[in-house]
Amino acid sequence: MHLDFILQPFTAYSDPEGMWPILEHLSKDSTFYIDSNLENDVKGEIVAKKLFDLGYRNLYLATGYEPDDFNEFTFLKGVQGKEPPWR
């Protein structure tokens, strides 16, 4: 049997406050898929910029909005729909 992927740990947060304490345990090569609209009126774009400033580079916005709506956020590797990329 040939596997086309390696299983990676997955953690999800609806509020980014739960994520900040674990960052020190994550590789800078970690990949993040961040919704544009998070709990408590937090914008995913702002969270992504903070992650970028901390040295993370694999940052994707997962949203129902059009990718062109986010052209100004050049630190994002991409903007995609909410369908998980591993499906």
C-alpha atoms as a PDB file:
ATOM      1  CA  MET A   1       0.000   0.000   0.000  1.00  0.00           C
ATOM      2  CA  HIS A   2       1.340   3.416  -0.974  1.00  0.00           C
ATOM      3  CA  LEU A   3       0.552   6.395   1.255  1.00  0.00           C
ATOM      4  CA  ASP A   4       0.496   9.831  -0.358  1.00  0.00           C
ATOM      5  CA  PHE A   5       0.600  11.675   2.941  1.00  0.00           C
ATOM      6  CA  ILE A   6       1.885  11.399   6.465  1.00  0.00           C
ATOM      7  CA  LEU A   7      -0.574  11.900   9.302  1.00  0.00           C
ATOM      8  CA  GLN A   8       0.120  15.112  11.175  1.00  0.00           C
ATOM      9  CA  PRO A   9      -1.306  16.279  14.493  1.00  0.00           C
ATOM     10  CA  PHE A  10      -4.322  18.553  14.126  1.00  0.00           C
ATOM     11  CA  THR A  11      -5.588  21.050  16.674  1.00  0.00           C
ATOM     12  CA  ALA A  12      -8.480  23.463  16.206  1.00  0.00           C
ATOM     13  CA  TYR A  13      -9.366  26.622  18.123  1.00  0.00           C
ATOM     14  CA  SER A  14     -12.412  28.828  17.694  1.00  0.00           C
ATOM     15  CA  ASP A  15     -10.765  31.473  19.852  1.00  0.00           C
ATOM     16  CA  PRO A  16      -7.054  32.088  19.185  1.00  0.00           C
ATOM     17  CA  GLU A  17      -6.339  32.801  22.856  1.00  0.00           C
ATOM     18  CA  GLY A  18      -6.099  29.047  23.434  1.00  0.00           C
ATOM     19  CA  MET A  19      -3.459  28.745  20.726  1.00  0.00           C
ATOM     20  CA  TRP A  20      -0.862  31.253  21.948  1.00  0.00           C
ATOM     21  CA  PRO A  21       0.404  29.170  24.909  1.00  0.00           C
ATOM     22  CA  ILE A  22       1.219  26.138  22.733  1.00  0.00           C
ATOM     23  CA  LEU A  23       3.162  27.999  20.036  1.00  0.00           C
ATOM     24  CA  GLU A  24       6.490  27.461  21.771  1.00  0.00           C
ATOM     25  CA  HIS A  25       6.004  23.729  21.166  1.00  0.00           C
ATOM     26  CA  LEU A  26       5.299  24.081  17.434  1.00  0.00           C
ATOM     27  CA  SER A  27       7.827  24.104  14.646  1.00  0.00           C
ATOM     28  CA  LYS A  28       8.089  27.295  12.610  1.00  0.00           C
ATOM     29  CA  ASP A  29       7.308  24.978   9.660  1.00  0.00           C
ATOM     30  CA  SER A  30       3.819  24.273  11.058  1.00  0.00           C
ATOM     31  CA  THR A  31       0.890  25.007   8.761  1.00  0.00           C
ATOM     32  CA  PHE A  32      -2.041  27.127   9.921  1.00  0.00           C
ATOM     33  CA  TYR A  33      -5.504  27.350   8.329  1.00  0.00           C
ATOM     34  CA  ILE A  34      -7.252  30.313   9.900  1.00  0.00           C
ATOM     35  CA  ASP A  35     -10.857  31.385   9.422  1.00  0.00           C
ATOM     36  CA  SER A  36     -11.301  35.066   8.655  1.00  0.00           C
ATOM     37  CA  ASN A  37     -14.073  35.440  11.270  1.00  0.00           C
ATOM     38  CA  LEU A  38     -13.161  34.033  14.665  1.00  0.00           C
ATOM     39  CA  GLU A  39     -14.971  34.243  18.002  1.00  0.00           C
ATOM     40  CA  ASN A  40     -15.182  37.534  19.864  1.00  0.00           C
ATOM     41  CA  ASP A  41     -14.971  39.528  16.599  1.00  0.00           C
ATOM     42  CA  VAL A  42     -11.322  38.535  16.124  1.00  0.00           C
ATOM     43  CA  LYS A  43     -10.171  38.690  12.495  1.00  0.00           C
ATOM     44  CA  GLY A  44      -8.134  35.749  11.261  1.00  0.00           C
ATOM     45  CA  GLU A  45      -6.010  38.095   9.188  1.00  0.00           C
ATOM     46  CA  ILE A  46      -4.789  39.782  12.378  1.00  0.00           C
ATOM     47  CA  VAL A  47      -4.004  36.419  13.985  1.00  0.00           C
ATOM     48  CA  ALA A  48      -2.125  35.369  10.839  1.00  0.00           C
ATOM     49  CA  LYS A  49      -0.051  38.575  10.914  1.00  0.00           C
ATOM     50  CA  LYS A  50       0.896  37.930  14.551  1.00  0.00           C
ATOM     51  CA  LEU A  51       1.962  34.396  13.632  1.00  0.00           C
ATOM     52  CA  PHE A  52       3.963  35.759  10.699  1.00  0.00           C
ATOM     53  CA  ASP A  53       5.696  38.241  13.011  1.00  0.00           C
ATOM     54  CA  LEU A  54       6.621  35.282  15.250  1.00  0.00           C
ATOM     55  CA  GLY A  55       8.306  33.519  12.324  1.00  0.00           C
ATOM     56  CA  TYR A  56       5.575  31.211  11.022  1.00  0.00           C
ATOM     57  CA  ARG A  57       5.261  31.241   7.239  1.00  0.00           C
ATOM     58  CA  ASN A  58       2.756  28.522   6.265  1.00  0.00           C
ATOM     59  CA  LEU A  59      -0.310  30.668   6.844  1.00  0.00           C
ATOM     60  CA  TYR A  60      -3.548  30.152   4.932  1.00  0.00           C
ATOM     61  CA  LEU A  61      -6.847  31.924   5.327  1.00  0.00           C
ATOM     62  CA  ALA A  62      -9.806  29.548   5.106  1.00  0.00           C
ATOM     63  CA  THR A  63     -12.879  31.581   4.267  1.00  0.00           C
ATOM     64  CA  GLY A  64     -16.063  31.825   2.266  1.00  0.00           C
ATOM     65  CA  TYR A  65     -15.015  35.239   0.966  1.00  0.00           C
ATOM     66  CA  GLU A  66     -13.338  35.766  -2.381  1.00  0.00           C
ATOM     67  CA  PRO A  67      -9.525  35.409  -2.359  1.00  0.00           C
ATOM     68  CA  ASP A  68      -9.210  38.825  -4.040  1.00  0.00           C
ATOM     69  CA  ASP A  69     -10.664  40.379  -0.877  1.00  0.00           C
ATOM     70  CA  PHE A  70      -7.365  39.560   0.857  1.00  0.00           C
ATOM     71  CA  ASN A  71      -4.751  40.650  -1.692  1.00  0.00           C
ATOM     72  CA  GLU A  72      -3.324  43.206   0.730  1.00  0.00           C
ATOM     73  CA  PHE A  73      -2.275  40.460   3.161  1.00  0.00           C
ATOM     74  CA  THR A  74       0.924  39.485   1.382  1.00  0.00           C
ATOM     75  CA  PHE A  75       2.171  37.470   4.367  1.00  0.00           C
ATOM     76  CA  LEU A  76      -0.467  34.791   3.638  1.00  0.00           C
ATOM     77  CA  LYS A  77       0.639  31.818   1.566  1.00  0.00           C
ATOM     78  CA  GLY A  78      -2.877  31.495   0.246  1.00  0.00           C
ATOM     79  CA  VAL A  79      -6.600  32.029   0.636  1.00  0.00           C
ATOM     80  CA  GLN A  80      -8.934  29.097   0.123  1.00  0.00           C
ATOM     81  CA  GLY A  81     -12.416  27.899   0.869  1.00  0.00           C
ATOM     82  CA  LYS A  82     -13.341  26.151   4.073  1.00  0.00           C
ATOM     83  CA  GLU A  83     -13.033  22.648   2.645  1.00  0.00           C
ATOM     84  CA  PRO A  84     -10.035  21.006   4.360  1.00  0.00           C
ATOM     85  CA  PRO A  85      -7.119  20.574   1.936  1.00  0.00           C
ATOM     86  CA  TRP A  86      -6.596  16.952   2.970  1.00  0.00           C
ATOM     87  CA  ARG A  87      -9.986  15.779   1.649  1.00  0.00           C
END
